[in-house]
């Protein structure tokens, strides 16, 4: 559910990705109109924070607090780290584990998403990556392999009664569809606890703003599905969040059929007739990300779903 068609602030240069895809370095540069830009890398995404202030020390302190929060969440919930809380849960092999309050809140949110989506949004479905590799090739897995993996998918198979969690042997949790948007909200909160001016937090195209700078709203570009960093839409953001889900850069192609990386966890196969990208506006990034992901998972019914939810959205097909 990682967005591939990204929303990018077009009023500034894009955040620079780090060498080899990982760096804990925070860079601060002063831009026009009293804006400081902080860039770093977290959760496999280039991250940028724009802060309206002429106080360089304040900008650095605020940006550092946000970056530290993003890195903390990554360390805690990355499936790629052996020492993460998430990896520990996935190694619990059916034992009951007492989880902390933050993890419990994320599990409650995941359960709510699972229920309201009739099983479309499922944080246990990440295990399907064992048979699906969306690298632009024609390597579509055999149905039997997908079915074998599907046997370990289903949030209802977890035993979850706060604060006790039991992950059955063979199953895994993957918070990849939640954590980046959650980190955006947490990073913005870390800044606004120290600073009351205009801020825009952008983690790989998922954004949240605390207000507009004096020069006017933040200008945000949403990429064309068939391009790299060329804006198809230009949006103004004053307050609140935008999140984008899409399949532009992750797909398979066989016999003229395109298989996007958005998988229906109930079948283990890509969702049919999904938009190339969906951008949703909401009060917070976690909410916007959930809605954009659910829209993609509903395929041809994406626009209808979002209209019924009463949110502002942009679908590109």
C-alpha atoms as a PDB file:
ATOM      1  CA  UNK A   1       0.000   0.000   0.000  1.00  0.00           C
ATOM      2  CA  UNK A   2       3.012   2.221  -0.313  1.00  0.00           C
ATOM      3  CA  UNK A   3       2.173   5.077  -2.655  1.00  0.00           C
ATOM      4  CA  UNK A   4       3.883   4.938  -5.998  1.00  0.00           C
ATOM      5  CA  UNK A   5       2.257   8.018  -7.526  1.00  0.00           C
ATOM      6  CA  UNK A   6       3.588  10.506  -5.053  1.00  0.00           C
ATOM      7  CA  UNK A   7       2.334  13.931  -4.050  1.00  0.00           C
ATOM      8  CA  UNK A   8       5.275  16.316  -4.114  1.00  0.00           C
ATOM      9  CA  UNK A   9       5.549  19.918  -2.868  1.00  0.00           C
ATOM     10  CA  UNK A  10       6.373  21.736  -6.092  1.00  0.00           C
ATOM     11  CA  UNK A  11       7.301  24.994  -4.383  1.00  0.00           C
ATOM     12  CA  UNK A  12      10.617  23.442  -3.356  1.00  0.00           C
ATOM     13  CA  UNK A  13      13.097  20.906  -4.653  1.00  0.00           C
ATOM     14  CA  UNK A  14      12.141  17.346  -3.810  1.00  0.00           C
ATOM     15  CA  UNK A  15      13.683  15.701  -0.788  1.00  0.00           C
ATOM     16  CA  UNK A  16      17.004  14.066  -1.687  1.00  0.00           C
ATOM     17  CA  UNK A  17      17.127  10.312  -1.346  1.00  0.00           C
ATOM     18  CA  UNK A  18      20.052   8.917   0.561  1.00  0.00           C
ATOM     19  CA  UNK A  19      22.899   6.823  -0.800  1.00  0.00           C
ATOM     20  CA  UNK A  20      22.054   3.110  -0.756  1.00  0.00           C
ATOM     21  CA  UNK A  21      18.545   4.016   0.413  1.00  0.00           C
ATOM     22  CA  UNK A  22      19.333   4.600   4.081  1.00  0.00           C
ATOM     23  CA  UNK A  23      20.816   7.470   6.049  1.00  0.00           C
ATOM     24  CA  UNK A  24      20.321   9.045   9.433  1.00  0.00           C
ATOM     25  CA  UNK A  25      21.670  12.367   8.211  1.00  0.00           C
ATOM     26  CA  UNK A  26      19.453  15.414   8.576  1.00  0.00           C
ATOM     27  CA  UNK A  27      20.138  18.283   6.159  1.00  0.00           C
ATOM     28  CA  UNK A  28      18.795  21.806   6.670  1.00  0.00           C
ATOM     29  CA  UNK A  29      18.735  24.423   3.917  1.00  0.00           C
ATOM     30  CA  UNK A  30      17.242  27.912   3.853  1.00  0.00           C
ATOM     31  CA  UNK A  31      14.881  28.591   0.971  1.00  0.00           C
ATOM     32  CA  UNK A  32      12.883  31.564  -0.226  1.00  0.00           C
ATOM     33  CA  UNK A  33      10.214  33.455   1.745  1.00  0.00           C
ATOM     34  CA  UNK A  34      11.574  32.522   5.149  1.00  0.00           C
ATOM     35  CA  UNK A  35      11.199  28.757   4.647  1.00  0.00           C
ATOM     36  CA  UNK A  36      13.680  26.201   5.975  1.00  0.00           C
ATOM     37  CA  UNK A  37      13.715  22.757   4.362  1.00  0.00           C
ATOM     38  CA  UNK A  38      14.918  19.701   6.278  1.00  0.00           C
ATOM     39  CA  UNK A  39      15.560  16.473   4.361  1.00  0.00           C
ATOM     40  CA  UNK A  40      16.386  12.953   5.501  1.00  0.00           C
ATOM     41  CA  UNK A  41      15.526   9.334   4.675  1.00  0.00           C
ATOM     42  CA  UNK A  42      13.152   7.091   6.622  1.00  0.00           C
ATOM     43  CA  UNK A  43      10.875   4.125   5.942  1.00  0.00           C
ATOM     44  CA  UNK A  44      12.310   3.632   2.453  1.00  0.00           C
ATOM     45  CA  UNK A  45      11.220   7.150   1.495  1.00  0.00           C
ATOM     46  CA  UNK A  46      12.793  10.556   0.969  1.00  0.00           C
ATOM     47  CA  UNK A  47      11.385  12.840   3.663  1.00  0.00           C
ATOM     48  CA  UNK A  48      11.088  16.616   3.681  1.00  0.00           C
ATOM     49  CA  UNK A  49       9.918  19.072   6.312  1.00  0.00           C
ATOM     50  CA  UNK A  50       9.207  22.703   5.408  1.00  0.00           C
ATOM     51  CA  UNK A  51       9.133  25.192   8.277  1.00  0.00           C
ATOM     52  CA  UNK A  52       8.284  28.881   8.008  1.00  0.00           C
ATOM     53  CA  UNK A  53      10.695  30.637  10.343  1.00  0.00           C
ATOM     54  CA  UNK A  54      13.772  32.846  10.163  1.00  0.00           C
ATOM     55  CA  UNK A  55      15.256  31.203  13.237  1.00  0.00           C
ATOM     56  CA  UNK A  56      17.736  28.604  11.975  1.00  0.00           C
ATOM     57  CA  UNK A  57      18.244  27.034  15.408  1.00  0.00           C
ATOM     58  CA  UNK A  58      14.504  26.680  15.940  1.00  0.00           C
ATOM     59  CA  UNK A  59      14.112  25.107  12.503  1.00  0.00           C
ATOM     60  CA  UNK A  60      16.832  22.563  13.237  1.00  0.00           C
ATOM     61  CA  UNK A  61      15.433  21.672  16.659  1.00  0.00           C
ATOM     62  CA  UNK A  62      11.931  21.209  15.262  1.00  0.00           C
ATOM     63  CA  UNK A  63      13.114  19.192  12.276  1.00  0.00           C
ATOM     64  CA  UNK A  64      15.352  17.034  14.454  1.00  0.00           C
ATOM     65  CA  UNK A  65      12.417  16.211  16.735  1.00  0.00           C
ATOM     66  CA  UNK A  66      10.353  15.158  13.711  1.00  0.00           C
ATOM     67  CA  UNK A  67      13.144  13.073  12.189  1.00  0.00           C
ATOM     68  CA  UNK A  68      13.837  11.387  15.527  1.00  0.00           C
ATOM     69  CA  UNK A  69      10.181  10.439  15.786  1.00  0.00           C
ATOM     70  CA  UNK A  70      10.168   9.008  12.250  1.00  0.00           C
ATOM     71  CA  UNK A  71      13.307   6.966  12.917  1.00  0.00           C
ATOM     72  CA  UNK A  72      11.890   5.761  16.251  1.00  0.00           C
ATOM     73  CA  UNK A  73       8.756   4.443  14.560  1.00  0.00           C
ATOM     74  CA  UNK A  74      10.836   2.833  11.823  1.00  0.00           C
ATOM     75  CA  UNK A  75      13.071   1.077  14.369  1.00  0.00           C
ATOM     76  CA  UNK A  76      10.055  -0.137  16.289  1.00  0.00           C
ATOM     77  CA  UNK A  77       7.905  -1.407  13.431  1.00  0.00           C
ATOM     78  CA  UNK A  78      10.189  -2.223  10.505  1.00  0.00           C
ATOM     79  CA  UNK A  79       9.867  -5.793   9.297  1.00  0.00           C
ATOM     80  CA  UNK A  80      13.466  -5.539   8.040  1.00  0.00           C
ATOM     81  CA  UNK A  81      14.965  -5.100  11.535  1.00  0.00           C
ATOM     82  CA  UNK A  82      15.517  -8.173  13.653  1.00  0.00           C
ATOM     83  CA  UNK A  83      15.360  -6.035  16.803  1.00  0.00           C
ATOM     84  CA  UNK A  84      12.022  -4.341  16.023  1.00  0.00           C
ATOM     85  CA  UNK A  85       8.917  -4.903  18.108  1.00  0.00           C
ATOM     86  CA  UNK A  86       7.145  -6.107  14.971  1.00  0.00           C
ATOM     87  CA  UNK A  87       9.806  -8.720  14.215  1.00  0.00           C
ATOM     88  CA  UNK A  88       9.582  -9.922  17.810  1.00  0.00           C
ATOM     89  CA  UNK A  89       5.831 -10.416  17.462  1.00  0.00           C
ATOM     90  CA  UNK A  90       6.338 -12.287  14.197  1.00  0.00           C
ATOM     91  CA  UNK A  91       8.787 -14.627  15.928  1.00  0.00           C
ATOM     92  CA  UNK A  92       6.469 -15.317  18.870  1.00  0.00           C
ATOM     93  CA  UNK A  93       5.404 -18.630  17.277  1.00  0.00           C
ATOM     94  CA  UNK A  94       1.905 -18.681  18.727  1.00  0.00           C
ATOM     95  CA  UNK A  95       2.771 -17.509  22.233  1.00  0.00           C
ATOM     96  CA  UNK A  96       0.662 -14.794  23.880  1.00  0.00           C
ATOM     97  CA  UNK A  97       2.528 -11.495  24.139  1.00  0.00           C
ATOM     98  CA  UNK A  98       1.681  -8.363  26.122  1.00  0.00           C
ATOM     99  CA  UNK A  99       2.044  -5.369  23.790  1.00  0.00           C
ATOM    100  CA  UNK A 100       2.671  -1.738  24.733  1.00  0.00           C
ATOM    101  CA  UNK A 101       0.022   0.967  24.403  1.00  0.00           C
ATOM    102  CA  UNK A 102       1.288   2.361  21.082  1.00  0.00           C
ATOM    103  CA  UNK A 103       1.361  -1.079  19.447  1.00  0.00           C
ATOM    104  CA  UNK A 104      -2.075  -1.829  20.902  1.00  0.00           C
ATOM    105  CA  UNK A 105      -3.478   1.360  19.363  1.00  0.00           C
ATOM    106  CA  UNK A 106      -2.093   0.406  15.953  1.00  0.00           C
ATOM    107  CA  UNK A 107      -3.566  -3.085  16.274  1.00  0.00           C
ATOM    108  CA  UNK A 108      -6.946  -1.606  17.235  1.00  0.00           C
ATOM    109  CA  UNK A 109      -6.780   0.645  14.179  1.00  0.00           C
ATOM    110  CA  UNK A 110      -5.798  -2.295  11.960  1.00  0.00           C
ATOM    111  CA  UNK A 111      -8.703  -4.342  13.312  1.00  0.00           C
ATOM    112  CA  UNK A 112     -11.118  -1.495  12.660  1.00  0.00           C
ATOM    113  CA  UNK A 113      -9.843  -1.183   9.068  1.00  0.00           C
ATOM    114  CA  UNK A 114     -10.196  -4.938   8.579  1.00  0.00           C
ATOM    115  CA  UNK A 115     -13.789  -4.949   9.806  1.00  0.00           C
ATOM    116  CA  UNK A 116     -15.044  -1.882   7.920  1.00  0.00           C
ATOM    117  CA  UNK A 117     -13.378  -3.045   4.687  1.00  0.00           C
ATOM    118  CA  UNK A 118     -14.827  -6.587   4.870  1.00  0.00           C
ATOM    119  CA  UNK A 119     -11.312  -7.992   5.000  1.00  0.00           C
ATOM    120  CA  UNK A 120      -9.773  -5.897   2.205  1.00  0.00           C
ATOM    121  CA  UNK A 121      -7.396  -4.024   4.535  1.00  0.00           C
ATOM    122  CA  UNK A 122      -5.433  -6.738   6.331  1.00  0.00           C
ATOM    123  CA  UNK A 123      -2.103  -6.228   8.105  1.00  0.00           C
ATOM    124  CA  UNK A 124      -1.453  -9.981   7.950  1.00  0.00           C
ATOM    125  CA  UNK A 125      -1.356  -9.963   4.126  1.00  0.00           C
ATOM    126  CA  UNK A 126       2.271  -8.824   3.844  1.00  0.00           C
ATOM    127  CA  UNK A 127       3.299 -12.482   3.794  1.00  0.00           C
ATOM    128  CA  UNK A 128       2.050 -12.598   0.191  1.00  0.00           C
ATOM    129  CA  UNK A 129       5.306 -10.860  -0.812  1.00  0.00           C
ATOM    130  CA  UNK A 130       6.902 -14.312  -0.572  1.00  0.00           C
ATOM    131  CA  UNK A 131       5.245 -15.257  -3.864  1.00  0.00           C
ATOM    132  CA  UNK A 132       4.715 -11.838  -5.480  1.00  0.00           C
ATOM    133  CA  UNK A 133       7.688  -9.696  -6.552  1.00  0.00           C
ATOM    134  CA  UNK A 134       6.543  -6.613  -8.446  1.00  0.00           C
ATOM    135  CA  UNK A 135       9.710  -5.811 -10.379  1.00  0.00           C
ATOM    136  CA  UNK A 136       8.299  -5.145 -13.845  1.00  0.00           C
ATOM    137  CA  UNK A 137       9.022  -8.704 -15.001  1.00  0.00           C
ATOM    138  CA  UNK A 138       6.578 -11.383 -16.199  1.00  0.00           C
ATOM    139  CA  UNK A 139       7.056 -13.688 -13.197  1.00  0.00           C
ATOM    140  CA  UNK A 140       3.443 -14.229 -12.107  1.00  0.00           C
ATOM    141  CA  UNK A 141       3.267 -16.885  -9.347  1.00  0.00           C
ATOM    142  CA  UNK A 142       1.445 -20.175  -9.748  1.00  0.00           C
ATOM    143  CA  UNK A 143      -2.071 -20.250  -8.251  1.00  0.00           C
ATOM    144  CA  UNK A 144      -1.052 -23.115  -5.951  1.00  0.00           C
ATOM    145  CA  UNK A 145       1.765 -21.027  -4.493  1.00  0.00           C
ATOM    146  CA  UNK A 146      -0.591 -18.105  -3.881  1.00  0.00           C
ATOM    147  CA  UNK A 147      -3.104 -20.420  -2.181  1.00  0.00           C
ATOM    148  CA  UNK A 148      -0.399 -21.900   0.053  1.00  0.00           C
ATOM    149  CA  UNK A 149       0.581 -18.418   1.210  1.00  0.00           C
ATOM    150  CA  UNK A 150      -3.048 -17.360   1.627  1.00  0.00           C
ATOM    151  CA  UNK A 151      -3.430 -20.004   4.334  1.00  0.00           C
ATOM    152  CA  UNK A 152      -1.501 -17.656   6.637  1.00  0.00           C
ATOM    153  CA  UNK A 153      -3.526 -14.491   5.851  1.00  0.00           C
ATOM    154  CA  UNK A 154      -6.497 -13.238   7.855  1.00  0.00           C
ATOM    155  CA  UNK A 155      -6.679 -10.792  10.752  1.00  0.00           C
ATOM    156  CA  UNK A 156      -9.506 -12.885  12.217  1.00  0.00           C
ATOM    157  CA  UNK A 157      -6.975 -15.678  12.827  1.00  0.00           C
ATOM    158  CA  UNK A 158      -5.091 -13.521  15.317  1.00  0.00           C
ATOM    159  CA  UNK A 159      -6.051 -13.720  18.966  1.00  0.00           C
ATOM    160  CA  UNK A 160      -6.189 -10.065  19.958  1.00  0.00           C
ATOM    161  CA  UNK A 161      -7.647  -8.881  23.243  1.00  0.00           C
ATOM    162  CA  UNK A 162      -5.847  -5.809  24.463  1.00  0.00           C
ATOM    163  CA  UNK A 163      -3.118  -5.991  25.665  1.00  0.00           C
ATOM    164  CA  UNK A 164      -2.631  -9.702  24.784  1.00  0.00           C
ATOM    165  CA  UNK A 165      -1.757 -10.694  21.224  1.00  0.00           C
ATOM    166  CA  UNK A 166      -1.257 -14.169  19.840  1.00  0.00           C
ATOM    167  CA  UNK A 167       0.162 -14.443  16.315  1.00  0.00           C
ATOM    168  CA  UNK A 168      -0.314 -18.059  15.170  1.00  0.00           C
ATOM    169  CA  UNK A 169       2.792 -19.844  13.950  1.00  0.00           C
ATOM    170  CA  UNK A 170       3.502 -19.077  10.311  1.00  0.00           C
ATOM    171  CA  UNK A 171       1.581 -15.788  10.297  1.00  0.00           C
ATOM    172  CA  UNK A 172       3.128 -12.310  10.183  1.00  0.00           C
ATOM    173  CA  UNK A 173       2.122  -8.740  10.876  1.00  0.00           C
ATOM    174  CA  UNK A 174       3.127  -5.995   8.462  1.00  0.00           C
ATOM    175  CA  UNK A 175       2.359  -2.386   9.393  1.00  0.00           C
ATOM    176  CA  UNK A 176       3.642  -1.073   6.063  1.00  0.00           C
ATOM    177  CA  UNK A 177       0.171   0.136   5.106  1.00  0.00           C
ATOM    178  CA  UNK A 178      -0.139   2.190   8.293  1.00  0.00           C
ATOM    179  CA  UNK A 179       3.210   3.275   9.687  1.00  0.00           C
ATOM    180  CA  UNK A 180       4.381   5.908   7.212  1.00  0.00           C
ATOM    181  CA  UNK A 181       1.157   7.875   7.466  1.00  0.00           C
ATOM    182  CA  UNK A 182       1.175   7.414  11.238  1.00  0.00           C
ATOM    183  CA  UNK A 183       4.765   8.689  11.312  1.00  0.00           C
ATOM    184  CA  UNK A 184       3.741  11.804   9.363  1.00  0.00           C
ATOM    185  CA  UNK A 185       1.112  12.639  11.977  1.00  0.00           C
ATOM    186  CA  UNK A 186       3.514  11.937  14.841  1.00  0.00           C
ATOM    187  CA  UNK A 187       6.295  13.992  13.249  1.00  0.00           C
ATOM    188  CA  UNK A 188       3.994  16.976  12.780  1.00  0.00           C
ATOM    189  CA  UNK A 189       2.870  16.660  16.411  1.00  0.00           C
ATOM    190  CA  UNK A 190       6.518  16.628  17.519  1.00  0.00           C
ATOM    191  CA  UNK A 191       7.080  19.909  15.677  1.00  0.00           C
ATOM    192  CA  UNK A 192       3.895  21.691  16.751  1.00  0.00           C
ATOM    193  CA  UNK A 193       4.727  20.886  20.381  1.00  0.00           C
ATOM    194  CA  UNK A 194       7.716  23.214  19.928  1.00  0.00           C
ATOM    195  CA  UNK A 195       6.606  25.613  17.189  1.00  0.00           C
ATOM    196  CA  UNK A 196       3.314  27.296  16.275  1.00  0.00           C
ATOM    197  CA  UNK A 197       4.097  28.471  12.725  1.00  0.00           C
ATOM    198  CA  UNK A 198       3.361  26.964   9.333  1.00  0.00           C
ATOM    199  CA  UNK A 199       4.804  23.488   8.734  1.00  0.00           C
ATOM    200  CA  UNK A 200       4.510  20.897   5.985  1.00  0.00           C
ATOM    201  CA  UNK A 201       5.656  17.309   6.609  1.00  0.00           C
ATOM    202  CA  UNK A 202       6.159  15.159   3.501  1.00  0.00           C
ATOM    203  CA  UNK A 203       7.227  11.518   3.799  1.00  0.00           C
ATOM    204  CA  UNK A 204       7.449  10.064   0.316  1.00  0.00           C
ATOM    205  CA  UNK A 205       4.373  11.911  -0.873  1.00  0.00           C
ATOM    206  CA  UNK A 206       2.194  11.475   2.215  1.00  0.00           C
ATOM    207  CA  UNK A 207       1.763  14.957   3.668  1.00  0.00           C
ATOM    208  CA  UNK A 208       0.305  16.890   6.558  1.00  0.00           C
ATOM    209  CA  UNK A 209       0.307  20.640   7.162  1.00  0.00           C
ATOM    210  CA  UNK A 210      -0.249  22.690  10.309  1.00  0.00           C
ATOM    211  CA  UNK A 211      -1.069  25.860   8.375  1.00  0.00           C
ATOM    212  CA  UNK A 212      -0.123  27.868   5.313  1.00  0.00           C
ATOM    213  CA  UNK A 213       2.911  30.179   5.104  1.00  0.00           C
ATOM    214  CA  UNK A 214       2.503  33.921   4.594  1.00  0.00           C
ATOM    215  CA  UNK A 215       3.093  33.574   0.840  1.00  0.00           C
ATOM    216  CA  UNK A 216       0.012  31.374   0.447  1.00  0.00           C
ATOM    217  CA  UNK A 217      -0.981  27.688   0.524  1.00  0.00           C
ATOM    218  CA  UNK A 218       1.575  24.952   0.071  1.00  0.00           C
ATOM    219  CA  UNK A 219       1.553  23.922  -3.599  1.00  0.00           C
ATOM    220  CA  UNK A 220       1.531  20.136  -4.004  1.00  0.00           C
ATOM    221  CA  UNK A 221       1.989  18.164  -7.204  1.00  0.00           C
ATOM    222  CA  UNK A 222       0.514  14.694  -7.757  1.00  0.00           C
ATOM    223  CA  UNK A 223       2.562  12.674 -10.240  1.00  0.00           C
ATOM    224  CA  UNK A 224       1.258  11.407 -13.513  1.00  0.00           C
ATOM    225  CA  UNK A 225       0.909   7.604 -13.248  1.00  0.00           C
ATOM    226  CA  UNK A 226       3.122   7.043 -16.306  1.00  0.00           C
ATOM    227  CA  UNK A 227       5.978   9.378 -15.362  1.00  0.00           C
ATOM    228  CA  UNK A 228       8.618  10.042 -12.742  1.00  0.00           C
ATOM    229  CA  UNK A 229       8.095  13.248 -10.770  1.00  0.00           C
ATOM    230  CA  UNK A 230       6.072  15.013 -13.464  1.00  0.00           C
ATOM    231  CA  UNK A 231       2.990  16.567 -11.893  1.00  0.00           C
ATOM    232  CA  UNK A 232      -0.415  15.714 -13.321  1.00  0.00           C
ATOM    233  CA  UNK A 233      -2.348  17.661 -10.689  1.00  0.00           C
ATOM    234  CA  UNK A 234      -1.431  20.760  -8.700  1.00  0.00           C
ATOM    235  CA  UNK A 235      -3.210  21.079  -5.371  1.00  0.00           C
ATOM    236  CA  UNK A 236      -3.206  23.769  -2.687  1.00  0.00           C
ATOM    237  CA  UNK A 237      -2.831  22.569   0.908  1.00  0.00           C
ATOM    238  CA  UNK A 238      -3.424  24.875   3.852  1.00  0.00           C
ATOM    239  CA  UNK A 239      -4.337  22.561   6.728  1.00  0.00           C
ATOM    240  CA  UNK A 240      -4.711  18.816   7.086  1.00  0.00           C
ATOM    241  CA  UNK A 241      -3.340  15.895   5.127  1.00  0.00           C
ATOM    242  CA  UNK A 242      -3.017  14.338   1.698  1.00  0.00           C
ATOM    243  CA  UNK A 243      -2.119  10.688   1.103  1.00  0.00           C
ATOM    244  CA  UNK A 244      -1.630   8.906  -2.211  1.00  0.00           C
ATOM    245  CA  UNK A 245      -1.815   5.198  -3.021  1.00  0.00           C
ATOM    246  CA  UNK A 246      -0.951   3.807  -6.436  1.00  0.00           C
ATOM    247  CA  UNK A 247       0.772   1.119  -8.467  1.00  0.00           C
ATOM    248  CA  UNK A 248       2.806   3.119 -10.981  1.00  0.00           C
ATOM    249  CA  UNK A 249       6.234   1.701 -10.208  1.00  0.00           C
ATOM    250  CA  UNK A 250       5.401  -1.767  -8.853  1.00  0.00           C
ATOM    251  CA  UNK A 251       3.792  -4.209 -11.259  1.00  0.00           C
ATOM    252  CA  UNK A 252       4.219  -7.334 -13.395  1.00  0.00           C
ATOM    253  CA  UNK A 253       3.378  -7.676 -17.081  1.00  0.00           C
ATOM    254  CA  UNK A 254       2.556 -10.987 -18.775  1.00  0.00           C
ATOM    255  CA  UNK A 255       0.882 -11.573 -22.134  1.00  0.00           C
ATOM    256  CA  UNK A 256      -0.252  -7.975 -22.269  1.00  0.00           C
ATOM    257  CA  UNK A 257      -1.890  -8.123 -18.829  1.00  0.00           C
ATOM    258  CA  UNK A 258      -0.656  -5.711 -16.162  1.00  0.00           C
ATOM    259  CA  UNK A 259      -0.620  -6.980 -12.567  1.00  0.00           C
ATOM    260  CA  UNK A 260      -0.479  -4.075 -10.087  1.00  0.00           C
ATOM    261  CA  UNK A 261       0.961  -4.540  -6.608  1.00  0.00           C
ATOM    262  CA  UNK A 262      -2.309  -3.819  -4.768  1.00  0.00           C
ATOM    263  CA  UNK A 263      -3.346  -7.301  -3.617  1.00  0.00           C
ATOM    264  CA  UNK A 264      -6.760  -8.447  -2.421  1.00  0.00           C
ATOM    265  CA  UNK A 265      -5.849 -10.376   0.755  1.00  0.00           C
ATOM    266  CA  UNK A 266      -8.980 -12.489   0.425  1.00  0.00           C
ATOM    267  CA  UNK A 267      -7.786 -13.975  -2.880  1.00  0.00           C
ATOM    268  CA  UNK A 268      -4.052 -13.269  -2.844  1.00  0.00           C
ATOM    269  CA  UNK A 269      -4.276 -11.762  -6.360  1.00  0.00           C
ATOM    270  CA  UNK A 270      -4.034  -8.161  -7.624  1.00  0.00           C
ATOM    271  CA  UNK A 271      -7.168  -6.052  -7.444  1.00  0.00           C
ATOM    272  CA  UNK A 272      -8.795  -5.691 -10.860  1.00  0.00           C
ATOM    273  CA  UNK A 273      -9.654  -2.346 -12.442  1.00  0.00           C
ATOM    274  CA  UNK A 274      -8.034  -0.299  -9.684  1.00  0.00           C
ATOM    275  CA  UNK A 275      -7.094   3.335 -10.402  1.00  0.00           C
ATOM    276  CA  UNK A 276      -3.444   4.009 -11.158  1.00  0.00           C
ATOM    277  CA  UNK A 277      -3.408   6.350  -8.181  1.00  0.00           C
ATOM    278  CA  UNK A 278      -5.774   7.747  -5.567  1.00  0.00           C
ATOM    279  CA  UNK A 279      -5.112  10.900  -3.515  1.00  0.00           C
ATOM    280  CA  UNK A 280      -7.341  11.668  -0.529  1.00  0.00           C
ATOM    281  CA  UNK A 281      -7.586  14.756   1.672  1.00  0.00           C
ATOM    282  CA  UNK A 282      -8.402  14.296   5.355  1.00  0.00           C
ATOM    283  CA  UNK A 283      -7.753  15.835   8.744  1.00  0.00           C
ATOM    284  CA  UNK A 284      -4.797  13.550   9.443  1.00  0.00           C
ATOM    285  CA  UNK A 285      -2.439  11.500   7.323  1.00  0.00           C
ATOM    286  CA  UNK A 286      -3.321   8.186   8.974  1.00  0.00           C
ATOM    287  CA  UNK A 287      -6.958   8.679   8.037  1.00  0.00           C
ATOM    288  CA  UNK A 288      -6.117   9.876   4.510  1.00  0.00           C
ATOM    289  CA  UNK A 289      -3.812   6.911   3.953  1.00  0.00           C
ATOM    290  CA  UNK A 290      -6.412   4.432   5.132  1.00  0.00           C
ATOM    291  CA  UNK A 291      -9.035   5.892   2.780  1.00  0.00           C
ATOM    292  CA  UNK A 292      -6.728   6.013  -0.243  1.00  0.00           C
ATOM    293  CA  UNK A 293      -5.668   2.403   0.362  1.00  0.00           C
ATOM    294  CA  UNK A 294      -9.258   1.226   0.772  1.00  0.00           C
ATOM    295  CA  UNK A 295     -10.213   3.006  -2.440  1.00  0.00           C
ATOM    296  CA  UNK A 296      -7.462   1.225  -4.375  1.00  0.00           C
ATOM    297  CA  UNK A 297      -8.548  -2.096  -2.891  1.00  0.00           C
ATOM    298  CA  UNK A 298     -12.100  -1.531  -4.128  1.00  0.00           C
ATOM    299  CA  UNK A 299     -10.906  -1.412  -7.741  1.00  0.00           C
ATOM    300  CA  UNK A 300     -13.571  -0.165 -10.142  1.00  0.00           C
ATOM    301  CA  UNK A 301     -15.659   0.990  -7.168  1.00  0.00           C
ATOM    302  CA  UNK A 302     -12.943   3.369  -5.872  1.00  0.00           C
ATOM    303  CA  UNK A 303     -14.655   6.612  -6.832  1.00  0.00           C
ATOM    304  CA  UNK A 304     -18.028   5.446  -5.581  1.00  0.00           C
ATOM    305  CA  UNK A 305     -16.546   4.416  -2.239  1.00  0.00           C
ATOM    306  CA  UNK A 306     -14.831   7.767  -1.693  1.00  0.00           C
ATOM    307  CA  UNK A 307     -17.921   9.698  -2.753  1.00  0.00           C
ATOM    308  CA  UNK A 308     -19.969   7.779  -0.188  1.00  0.00           C
ATOM    309  CA  UNK A 309     -17.311   8.546   2.445  1.00  0.00           C
ATOM    310  CA  UNK A 310     -17.798  12.252   1.737  1.00  0.00           C
ATOM    311  CA  UNK A 311     -14.093  13.061   1.378  1.00  0.00           C
ATOM    312  CA  UNK A 312     -12.245  15.106  -1.200  1.00  0.00           C
ATOM    313  CA  UNK A 313     -10.273  12.919  -3.569  1.00  0.00           C
ATOM    314  CA  UNK A 314      -8.519  12.685  -6.921  1.00  0.00           C
ATOM    315  CA  UNK A 315      -8.391   9.414  -8.898  1.00  0.00           C
ATOM    316  CA  UNK A 316      -6.075   8.940 -11.881  1.00  0.00           C
ATOM    317  CA  UNK A 317      -6.712   6.033 -14.251  1.00  0.00           C
END
